[in-house]
PDB file of N, CA and C in Angstrom:
ATOM      1  N   MET A   1      70.271 102.951  64.179  1.00  0.00           N
ATOM      2  CA  MET A   1      70.095 103.820  65.520  1.00  0.00           C
ATOM      3  C   MET A   1      71.116 103.331  66.525  1.00  0.00           C
ATOM      4  N   SER A   2      71.559 104.408  67.483  1.00  0.00           N
ATOM      5  CA  SER A   2      72.250 103.957  68.527  1.00  0.00           C
ATOM      6  C   SER A   2      71.689 103.362  69.620  1.00  0.00           C
ATOM      7  N   ASP A   3      72.188 102.264  70.218  1.00  0.00           N
ATOM      8  CA  ASP A   3      71.913 102.164  71.666  1.00  0.00           C
ATOM      9  C   ASP A   3      72.168 102.977  72.826  1.00  0.00           C
ATOM     10  N   PHE A   4      72.638 104.125  72.430  1.00  0.00           N
ATOM     11  CA  PHE A   4      73.034 105.228  73.612  1.00  0.00           C
ATOM     12  C   PHE A   4      71.811 105.441  74.564  1.00  0.00           C
ATOM     13  N   LYS A   5      72.131 105.507  75.438  1.00  0.00           N
ATOM     14  CA  LYS A   5      71.024 105.905  76.584  1.00  0.00           C
ATOM     15  C   LYS A   5      71.917 107.033  77.562  1.00  0.00           C
ATOM     16  N   PHE A   6      71.309 108.123  78.189  1.00  0.00           N
ATOM     17  CA  PHE A   6      72.025 108.596  79.356  1.00  0.00           C
ATOM     18  C   PHE A   6      71.578 108.065  80.537  1.00  0.00           C
ATOM     19  N   GLN A   7      72.320 107.989  81.403  1.00  0.00           N
ATOM     20  CA  GLN A   7      72.199 107.562  82.610  1.00  0.00           C
ATOM     21  C   GLN A   7      71.264 108.733  83.200  1.00  0.00           C
ATOM     22  N   VAL A   8      70.618 108.007  84.508  1.00  0.00           N
ATOM     23  CA  VAL A   8      69.724 108.866  85.187  1.00  0.00           C
ATOM     24  C   VAL A   8      70.612 109.662  86.228  1.00  0.00           C
ATOM     25  N   ILE A   9      70.536 110.952  86.056  1.00  0.00           N
ATOM     26  CA  ILE A   9      70.879 111.914  87.174  1.00  0.00           C
ATOM     27  C   ILE A   9      70.367 112.117  88.533  1.00  0.00           C
ATOM     28  N   ASN A  10      71.436 111.977  89.542  1.00  0.00           N
ATOM     29  CA  ASN A  10      70.882 112.274  90.486  1.00  0.00           C
ATOM     30  C   ASN A  10      70.109 113.383  91.104  1.00  0.00           C
ATOM     31  N   PRO A  11      68.509 113.292  91.548  1.00  0.00           N
ATOM     32  CA  PRO A  11      68.305 114.721  91.608  1.00  0.00           C
ATOM     33  C   PRO A  11      68.942 115.584  92.344  1.00  0.00           C
ATOM     34  N   LEU A  12      69.734 115.209  93.400  1.00  0.00           N
ATOM     35  CA  LEU A  12      70.720 115.973  93.986  1.00  0.00           C
ATOM     36  C   LEU A  12      71.275 117.088  93.141  1.00  0.00           C
ATOM     37  N   LEU A  13      71.775 116.593  92.063  1.00  0.00           N
ATOM     38  CA  LEU A  13      72.657 117.389  90.931  1.00  0.00           C
ATOM     39  C   LEU A  13      71.659 118.407  90.255  1.00  0.00           C
ATOM     40  N   HIS A  14      70.239 118.335  90.672  1.00  0.00           N
ATOM     41  CA  HIS A  14      69.521 119.199  89.479  1.00  0.00           C
ATOM     42  C   HIS A  14      69.785 120.678  89.924  1.00  0.00           C
ATOM     43  N   SER A  15      70.227 120.802  91.272  1.00  0.00           N
ATOM     44  CA  SER A  15      70.586 122.318  91.433  1.00  0.00           C
ATOM     45  C   SER A  15      71.745 122.744  90.373  1.00  0.00           C
ATOM     46  N   GLU A  16      71.463 123.823  89.854  1.00  0.00           N
ATOM     47  CA  GLU A  16      72.384 124.824  89.164  1.00  0.00           C
ATOM     48  C   GLU A  16      73.688 125.023  89.854  1.00  0.00           C
ATOM     49  N   LEU A  17      73.701 125.292  90.587  1.00  0.00           N
ATOM     50  CA  LEU A  17      75.189 125.681  91.680  1.00  0.00           C
ATOM     51  C   LEU A  17      76.030 124.071  91.952  1.00  0.00           C
ATOM     52  N   ARG A  18      75.062 123.079  92.578  1.00  0.00           N
ATOM     53  CA  ARG A  18      75.418 122.001  92.733  1.00  0.00           C
ATOM     54  C   ARG A  18      76.482 121.574  91.790  1.00  0.00           C
ATOM     55  N   LEU A  19      75.544 121.321  90.577  1.00  0.00           N
ATOM     56  CA  LEU A  19      76.318 121.088  89.216  1.00  0.00           C
ATOM     57  C   LEU A  19      77.511 121.803  88.916  1.00  0.00           C
ATOM     58  N   LYS A  20      77.413 122.762  88.963  1.00  0.00           N
ATOM     59  CA  LYS A  20      78.565 124.173  88.525  1.00  0.00           C
ATOM     60  C   LYS A  20      79.949 123.569  89.275  1.00  0.00           C
ATOM     61  N   ILE A  21      79.446 123.552  90.774  1.00  0.00           N
ATOM     62  CA  ILE A  21      80.511 122.913  91.540  1.00  0.00           C
ATOM     63  C   ILE A  21      81.127 121.495  91.477  1.00  0.00           C
ATOM     64  N   MET A  22      80.265 120.938  91.156  1.00  0.00           N
ATOM     65  CA  MET A  22      80.716 119.362  90.525  1.00  0.00           C
ATOM     66  C   MET A  22      81.578 119.397  89.298  1.00  0.00           C
ATOM     67  N   VAL A  23      81.106 120.202  88.152  1.00  0.00           N
ATOM     68  CA  VAL A  23      81.847 120.092  87.097  1.00  0.00           C
ATOM     69  C   VAL A  23      83.312 120.983  87.172  1.00  0.00           C
ATOM     70  N   ALA A  24      83.297 121.766  88.153  1.00  0.00           N
ATOM     71  CA  ALA A  24      84.456 122.220  88.392  1.00  0.00           C
ATOM     72  C   ALA A  24      85.390 121.551  89.241  1.00  0.00           C
ATOM     73  N   LEU A  25      85.029 120.957  89.879  1.00  0.00           N
ATOM     74  CA  LEU A  25      86.084 119.996  90.682  1.00  0.00           C
ATOM     75  C   LEU A  25      86.331 118.652  89.887  1.00  0.00           C
ATOM     76  N   ASP A  26      85.427 118.202  88.873  1.00  0.00           N
ATOM     77  CA  ASP A  26      85.531 117.258  88.411  1.00  0.00           C
ATOM     78  C   ASP A  26      86.676 117.292  87.250  1.00  0.00           C
ATOM     79  N   SER A  27      86.737 118.523  86.763  1.00  0.00           N
ATOM     80  CA  SER A  27      87.981 119.159  85.779  1.00  0.00           C
ATOM     81  C   SER A  27      88.722 119.513  86.525  1.00  0.00           C
ATOM     82  N   LEU A  28      89.138 120.075  87.881  1.00  0.00           N
ATOM     83  CA  LEU A  28      90.114 120.789  88.450  1.00  0.00           C
ATOM     84  C   LEU A  28      90.898 120.013  89.232  1.00  0.00           C
ATOM     85  N   LYS A  29      89.941 118.802  89.490  1.00  0.00           N
ATOM     86  CA  LYS A  29      90.381 117.802  90.804  1.00  0.00           C
ATOM     87  C   LYS A  29      90.389 118.464  91.930  1.00  0.00           C
ATOM     88  N   SER A  30      90.640 119.250  92.230  1.00  0.00           N
ATOM     89  CA  SER A  30      90.309 120.184  93.699  1.00  0.00           C
ATOM     90  C   SER A  30      90.481 121.741  93.533  1.00  0.00           C
ATOM     91  N   ALA A  31      89.413 122.484  94.162  1.00  0.00           N
ATOM     92  CA  ALA A  31      89.604 123.865  94.513  1.00  0.00           C
ATOM     93  C   ALA A  31      89.563 124.470  95.791  1.00  0.00           C
ATOM     94  N   ASP A  32      89.955 125.786  95.620  1.00  0.00           N
ATOM     95  CA  ASP A  32      89.848 126.292  97.036  1.00  0.00           C
ATOM     96  C   ASP A  32      88.289 127.259  97.069  1.00  0.00           C
ATOM     97  N   PHE A  33      87.646 127.223  98.112  1.00  0.00           N
ATOM     98  CA  PHE A  33      86.739 127.763  98.546  1.00  0.00           C
ATOM     99  C   PHE A  33      86.186 128.898  97.638  1.00  0.00           C
ATOM    100  N   MET A  34      86.920 129.966  98.075  1.00  0.00           N
ATOM    101  CA  MET A  34      86.892 131.187  97.501  1.00  0.00           C
ATOM    102  C   MET A  34      86.735 131.282  95.749  1.00  0.00           C
ATOM    103  N   TYR A  35      87.830 130.266  95.387  1.00  0.00           N
ATOM    104  CA  TYR A  35      87.995 129.886  93.918  1.00  0.00           C
ATOM    105  C   TYR A  35      86.636 129.393  93.419  1.00  0.00           C
ATOM    106  N   LEU A  36      86.183 128.947  93.905  1.00  0.00           N
ATOM    107  CA  LEU A  36      84.820 128.418  93.656  1.00  0.00           C
ATOM    108  C   LEU A  36      83.462 129.337  93.775  1.00  0.00           C
ATOM    109  N   CYS A  37      83.459 130.256  94.886  1.00  0.00           N
ATOM    110  CA  CYS A  37      82.792 131.272  94.913  1.00  0.00           C
ATOM    111  C   CYS A  37      83.120 132.249  93.426  1.00  0.00           C
ATOM    112  N   GLN A  38      84.064 132.326  93.262  1.00  0.00           N
ATOM    113  CA  GLN A  38      84.300 133.352  92.245  1.00  0.00           C
ATOM    114  C   GLN A  38      83.916 132.546  90.713  1.00  0.00           C
ATOM    115  N   ILE A  39      84.662 131.383  90.681  1.00  0.00           N
ATOM    116  CA  ILE A  39      83.954 131.163  89.349  1.00  0.00           C
ATOM    117  C   ILE A  39      82.345 130.300  88.905  1.00  0.00           C
ATOM    118  N   THR A  40      81.830 130.265  90.196  1.00  0.00           N
ATOM    119  CA  THR A  40      80.385 130.426  89.993  1.00  0.00           C
ATOM    120  C   THR A  40      79.366 131.327  90.258  1.00  0.00           C
ATOM    121  N   ASP A  41      79.989 132.431  90.233  1.00  0.00           N
ATOM    122  CA  ASP A  41      79.611 133.661  90.493  1.00  0.00           C
ATOM    123  C   ASP A  41      78.492 133.928  91.565  1.00  0.00           C
ATOM    124  N   SER A  42      78.643 133.062  92.938  1.00  0.00           N
ATOM    125  CA  SER A  42      77.982 132.957  93.885  1.00  0.00           C
ATOM    126  C   SER A  42      78.539 133.386  95.183  1.00  0.00           C
ATOM    127  N   THR A  43      77.273 133.681  96.141  1.00  0.00           N
ATOM    128  CA  THR A  43      78.042 134.038  97.420  1.00  0.00           C
ATOM    129  C   THR A  43      78.588 132.980  98.391  1.00  0.00           C
ATOM    130  N   ARG A  44      79.273 133.496  99.217  1.00  0.00           N
ATOM    131  CA  ARG A  44      79.909 132.287 100.093  1.00  0.00           C
ATOM    132  C   ARG A  44      79.158 131.862 100.590  1.00  0.00           C
ATOM    133  N   GLY A  45      77.771 132.091 101.325  1.00  0.00           N
ATOM    134  CA  GLY A  45      76.728 131.259 101.983  1.00  0.00           C
ATOM    135  C   GLY A  45      76.125 130.343 100.949  1.00  0.00           C
ATOM    136  N   ASN A  46      75.901 130.791  99.884  1.00  0.00           N
ATOM    137  CA  ASN A  46      75.398 129.447  98.858  1.00  0.00           C
ATOM    138  C   ASN A  46      76.500 128.664  98.629  1.00  0.00           C
ATOM    139  N   VAL A  47      77.578 128.831  98.230  1.00  0.00           N
ATOM    140  CA  VAL A  47      78.666 127.808  98.115  1.00  0.00           C
ATOM    141  C   VAL A  47      78.686 127.073  99.128  1.00  0.00           C
ATOM    142  N   SER A  48      78.767 127.959 100.705  1.00  0.00           N
ATOM    143  CA  SER A  48      79.143 126.816 101.412  1.00  0.00           C
ATOM    144  C   SER A  48      78.083 125.979 101.799  1.00  0.00           C
ATOM    145  N   THR A  49      76.549 126.193 101.614  1.00  0.00           N
ATOM    146  CA  THR A  49      75.540 125.490 101.687  1.00  0.00           C
ATOM    147  C   THR A  49      75.483 124.269 100.649  1.00  0.00           C
ATOM    148  N   GLN A  50      75.849 124.455  99.288  1.00  0.00           N
ATOM    149  CA  GLN A  50      76.033 123.434  98.494  1.00  0.00           C
ATOM    150  C   GLN A  50      76.974 122.624  98.630  1.00  0.00           C
ATOM    151  N   ILE A  51      78.467 123.042  99.142  1.00  0.00           N
ATOM    152  CA  ILE A  51      79.419 122.349  99.576  1.00  0.00           C
ATOM    153  C   ILE A  51      78.894 121.074 100.912  1.00  0.00           C
ATOM    154  N   THR A  52      78.185 121.681 101.656  1.00  0.00           N
ATOM    155  CA  THR A  52      78.043 120.807 102.707  1.00  0.00           C
ATOM    156  C   THR A  52      77.074 119.915 102.043  1.00  0.00           C
ATOM    157  N   THR A  53      76.021 120.270 100.975  1.00  0.00           N
ATOM    158  CA  THR A  53      74.842 119.254 101.053  1.00  0.00           C
ATOM    159  C   THR A  53      76.063 118.105 100.135  1.00  0.00           C
ATOM    160  N   LEU A  54      76.812 118.557  99.150  1.00  0.00           N
ATOM    161  CA  LEU A  54      77.957 117.642  98.344  1.00  0.00           C
ATOM    162  C   LEU A  54      78.613 116.356  99.518  1.00  0.00           C
ATOM    163  N   LYS A  55      79.089 117.423 100.064  1.00  0.00           N
ATOM    164  CA  LYS A  55      79.933 116.561 101.276  1.00  0.00           C
ATOM    165  C   LYS A  55      79.150 115.313 101.735  1.00  0.00           C
ATOM    166  N   GLU A  56      77.952 115.561 102.219  1.00  0.00           N
ATOM    167  CA  GLU A  56      77.222 114.791 103.384  1.00  0.00           C
ATOM    168  C   GLU A  56      76.353 113.823 102.279  1.00  0.00           C
ATOM    169  N   ALA A  57      76.376 113.952 101.087  1.00  0.00           N
ATOM    170  CA  ALA A  57      75.921 113.025  99.942  1.00  0.00           C
ATOM    171  C   ALA A  57      77.183 112.179  99.388  1.00  0.00           C
ATOM    172  N   GLY A  58      78.350 112.370  99.794  1.00  0.00           N
ATOM    173  CA  GLY A  58      79.493 111.804  99.630  1.00  0.00           C
ATOM    174  C   GLY A  58      80.462 111.814  98.147  1.00  0.00           C
ATOM    175  N   TYR A  59      79.710 113.207  97.350  1.00  0.00           N
ATOM    176  CA  TYR A  59      80.198 113.512  96.551  1.00  0.00           C
ATOM    177  C   TYR A  59      81.671 114.284  96.447  1.00  0.00           C
ATOM    178  N   ILE A  60      81.904 114.864  97.284  1.00  0.00           N
ATOM    179  CA  ILE A  60      83.062 115.456  97.691  1.00  0.00           C
ATOM    180  C   ILE A  60      83.753 115.368  99.128  1.00  0.00           C
ATOM    181  N   GLU A  61      84.966 115.429  99.018  1.00  0.00           N
ATOM    182  CA  GLU A  61      85.699 115.955 100.288  1.00  0.00           C
ATOM    183  C   GLU A  61      86.483 116.864 100.503  1.00  0.00           C
ATOM    184  N   VAL A  62      86.153 117.596 101.471  1.00  0.00           N
ATOM    185  CA  VAL A  62      86.476 118.687 102.023  1.00  0.00           C
ATOM    186  C   VAL A  62      87.517 118.787 103.084  1.00  0.00           C
ATOM    187  N   SER A  63      88.587 119.444 103.201  1.00  0.00           N
ATOM    188  CA  SER A  63      89.867 119.786 103.951  1.00  0.00           C
ATOM    189  C   SER A  63      89.629 121.118 104.334  1.00  0.00           C
ATOM    190  N   LYS A  64      90.082 121.617 105.935  1.00  0.00           N
ATOM    191  CA  LYS A  64      90.459 122.871 106.065  1.00  0.00           C
ATOM    192  C   LYS A  64      91.541 122.823 106.996  1.00  0.00           C
ATOM    193  N   SER A  65      92.116 124.048 106.780  1.00  0.00           N
ATOM    194  CA  SER A  65      93.475 124.309 107.365  1.00  0.00           C
ATOM    195  C   SER A  65      93.659 125.972 107.500  1.00  0.00           C
ATOM    196  N   GLY A  66      94.186 126.185 108.764  1.00  0.00           N
ATOM    197  CA  GLY A  66      94.201 127.430 109.179  1.00  0.00           C
ATOM    198  C   GLY A  66      93.727 127.656 110.552  1.00  0.00           C
ATOM    199  N   ILE A  67      93.697 128.630 111.214  1.00  0.00           N
ATOM    200  CA  ILE A  67      92.822 129.318 112.248  1.00  0.00           C
ATOM    201  C   ILE A  67      91.814 130.076 111.936  1.00  0.00           C
ATOM    202  N   GLY A  68      90.365 130.191 112.807  1.00  0.00           N
ATOM    203  CA  GLY A  68      89.781 131.205 113.221  1.00  0.00           C
ATOM    204  C   GLY A  68      89.040 131.625 111.617  1.00  0.00           C
ATOM    205  N   ARG A  69      89.059 132.798 111.581  1.00  0.00           N
ATOM    206  CA  ARG A  69      88.640 133.475 110.512  1.00  0.00           C
ATOM    207  C   ARG A  69      89.454 133.516 108.827  1.00  0.00           C
ATOM    208  N   PHE A  70      90.441 132.852 109.400  1.00  0.00           N
ATOM    209  CA  PHE A  70      91.804 132.787 108.465  1.00  0.00           C
ATOM    210  C   PHE A  70      91.777 131.311 107.479  1.00  0.00           C
ATOM    211  N   SER A  71      90.435 130.470 108.105  1.00  0.00           N
ATOM    212  CA  SER A  71      90.676 129.126 107.714  1.00  0.00           C
ATOM    213  C   SER A  71      90.599 129.164 106.026  1.00  0.00           C
ATOM    214  N   ARG A  72      91.236 127.983 105.509  1.00  0.00           N
ATOM    215  CA  ARG A  72      90.929 127.710 104.218  1.00  0.00           C
ATOM    216  C   ARG A  72      89.981 126.515 104.220  1.00  0.00           C
ATOM    217  N   VAL A  73      89.299 126.824 103.143  1.00  0.00           N
ATOM    218  CA  VAL A  73      88.390 125.435 103.099  1.00  0.00           C
ATOM    219  C   VAL A  73      88.663 125.085 101.637  1.00  0.00           C
ATOM    220  N   HIS A  74      88.902 123.391 101.302  1.00  0.00           N
ATOM    221  CA  HIS A  74      89.431 122.972 100.246  1.00  0.00           C
ATOM    222  C   HIS A  74      88.753 122.060  99.750  1.00  0.00           C
ATOM    223  N   SER A  75      88.524 121.620  98.323  1.00  0.00           N
ATOM    224  CA  SER A  75      87.092 120.574  98.277  1.00  0.00           C
ATOM    225  C   SER A  75      87.869 119.807  96.926  1.00  0.00           C
ATOM    226  N   ARG A  76      87.460 118.762  96.960  1.00  0.00           N
ATOM    227  CA  ARG A  76      87.614 118.229  95.680  1.00  0.00           C
ATOM    228  C   ARG A  76      86.702 116.855  95.644  1.00  0.00           C
ATOM    229  N   THR A  77      86.591 116.239  94.225  1.00  0.00           N
ATOM    230  CA  THR A  77      85.484 114.963  94.366  1.00  0.00           C
ATOM    231  C   THR A  77      86.184 114.025  95.023  1.00  0.00           C
ATOM    232  N   ASP A  78      85.268 113.067  95.349  1.00  0.00           N
ATOM    233  CA  ASP A  78      85.534 111.965  96.276  1.00  0.00           C
ATOM    234  C   ASP A  78      86.288 110.992  94.817  1.00  0.00           C
ATOM    235  N   PRO A  79      87.488 110.423  95.064  1.00  0.00           N
ATOM    236  CA  PRO A  79      87.961 109.541  94.217  1.00  0.00           C
ATOM    237  C   PRO A  79      87.342 108.609  93.691  1.00  0.00           C
ATOM    238  N   ASN A  80      86.138 108.140  94.361  1.00  0.00           N
ATOM    239  CA  ASN A  80      85.621 107.056  94.450  1.00  0.00           C
ATOM    240  C   ASN A  80      84.279 106.997  93.869  1.00  0.00           C
ATOM    241  N   VAL A  81      84.026 108.290  93.623  1.00  0.00           N
ATOM    242  CA  VAL A  81      82.917 108.622  92.892  1.00  0.00           C
ATOM    243  C   VAL A  81      83.117 108.936  90.901  1.00  0.00           C
ATOM    244  N   HIS A  82      82.532 108.365  90.120  1.00  0.00           N
ATOM    245  CA  HIS A  82      82.792 108.671  88.945  1.00  0.00           C
ATOM    246  C   HIS A  82      81.754 109.836  88.424  1.00  0.00           C
ATOM    247  N   PHE A  83      81.771 111.024  88.776  1.00  0.00           N
ATOM    248  CA  PHE A  83      80.456 111.745  88.225  1.00  0.00           C
ATOM    249  C   PHE A  83      80.331 111.821  86.744  1.00  0.00           C
ATOM    250  N   LEU A  84      81.532 112.356  85.969  1.00  0.00           N
ATOM    251  CA  LEU A  84      81.302 112.768  84.591  1.00  0.00           C
ATOM    252  C   LEU A  84      82.324 111.619  83.663  1.00  0.00           C
ATOM    253  N   ASP A  85      81.875 110.246  83.814  1.00  0.00           N
ATOM    254  CA  ASP A  85      82.666 109.085  83.609  1.00  0.00           C
ATOM    255  C   ASP A  85      82.284 108.968  82.124  1.00  0.00           C
ATOM    256  N   CYS A  86      82.560 109.482  80.952  1.00  0.00           N
ATOM    257  CA  CYS A  86      82.011 109.439  79.741  1.00  0.00           C
ATOM    258  C   CYS A  86      81.905 108.253  79.179  1.00  0.00           C
ATOM    259  N   ASP A  87      83.255 107.148  79.863  1.00  0.00           N
ATOM    260  CA  ASP A  87      83.196 105.771  79.486  1.00  0.00           C
ATOM    261  C   ASP A  87      81.928 105.144  79.791  1.00  0.00           C
ATOM    262  N   GLU A  88      81.227 105.400  80.790  1.00  0.00           N
ATOM    263  CA  GLU A  88      80.097 104.775  81.112  1.00  0.00           C
ATOM    264  C   GLU A  88      79.022 104.858  80.377  1.00  0.00           C
ATOM    265  N   TRP A  89      78.934 105.685  79.802  1.00  0.00           N
ATOM    266  CA  TRP A  89      77.742 106.279  78.814  1.00  0.00           C
ATOM    267  C   TRP A  89      77.558 105.215  77.660  1.00  0.00           C
TER     268      TRP A  89
END
């Protein structure tokens, strides 16, 4: 029998949308806000709320460029956070 054990998953990541965003950012390294809305099939309001939650928890970094209505939000995983590092499993 193997000594394999799953690590405890932070309850913050139990939200399906937050988990989708983290998986996308972990594999893509970074993504534009509208692209995250598209690939998660979620509204801008829902994605925005979850990005804010993930940012406040320290999982992702967010940068904004542009002015006013035409600003672009770009997200990426924090390089110090190892979200899906299978070597640790």
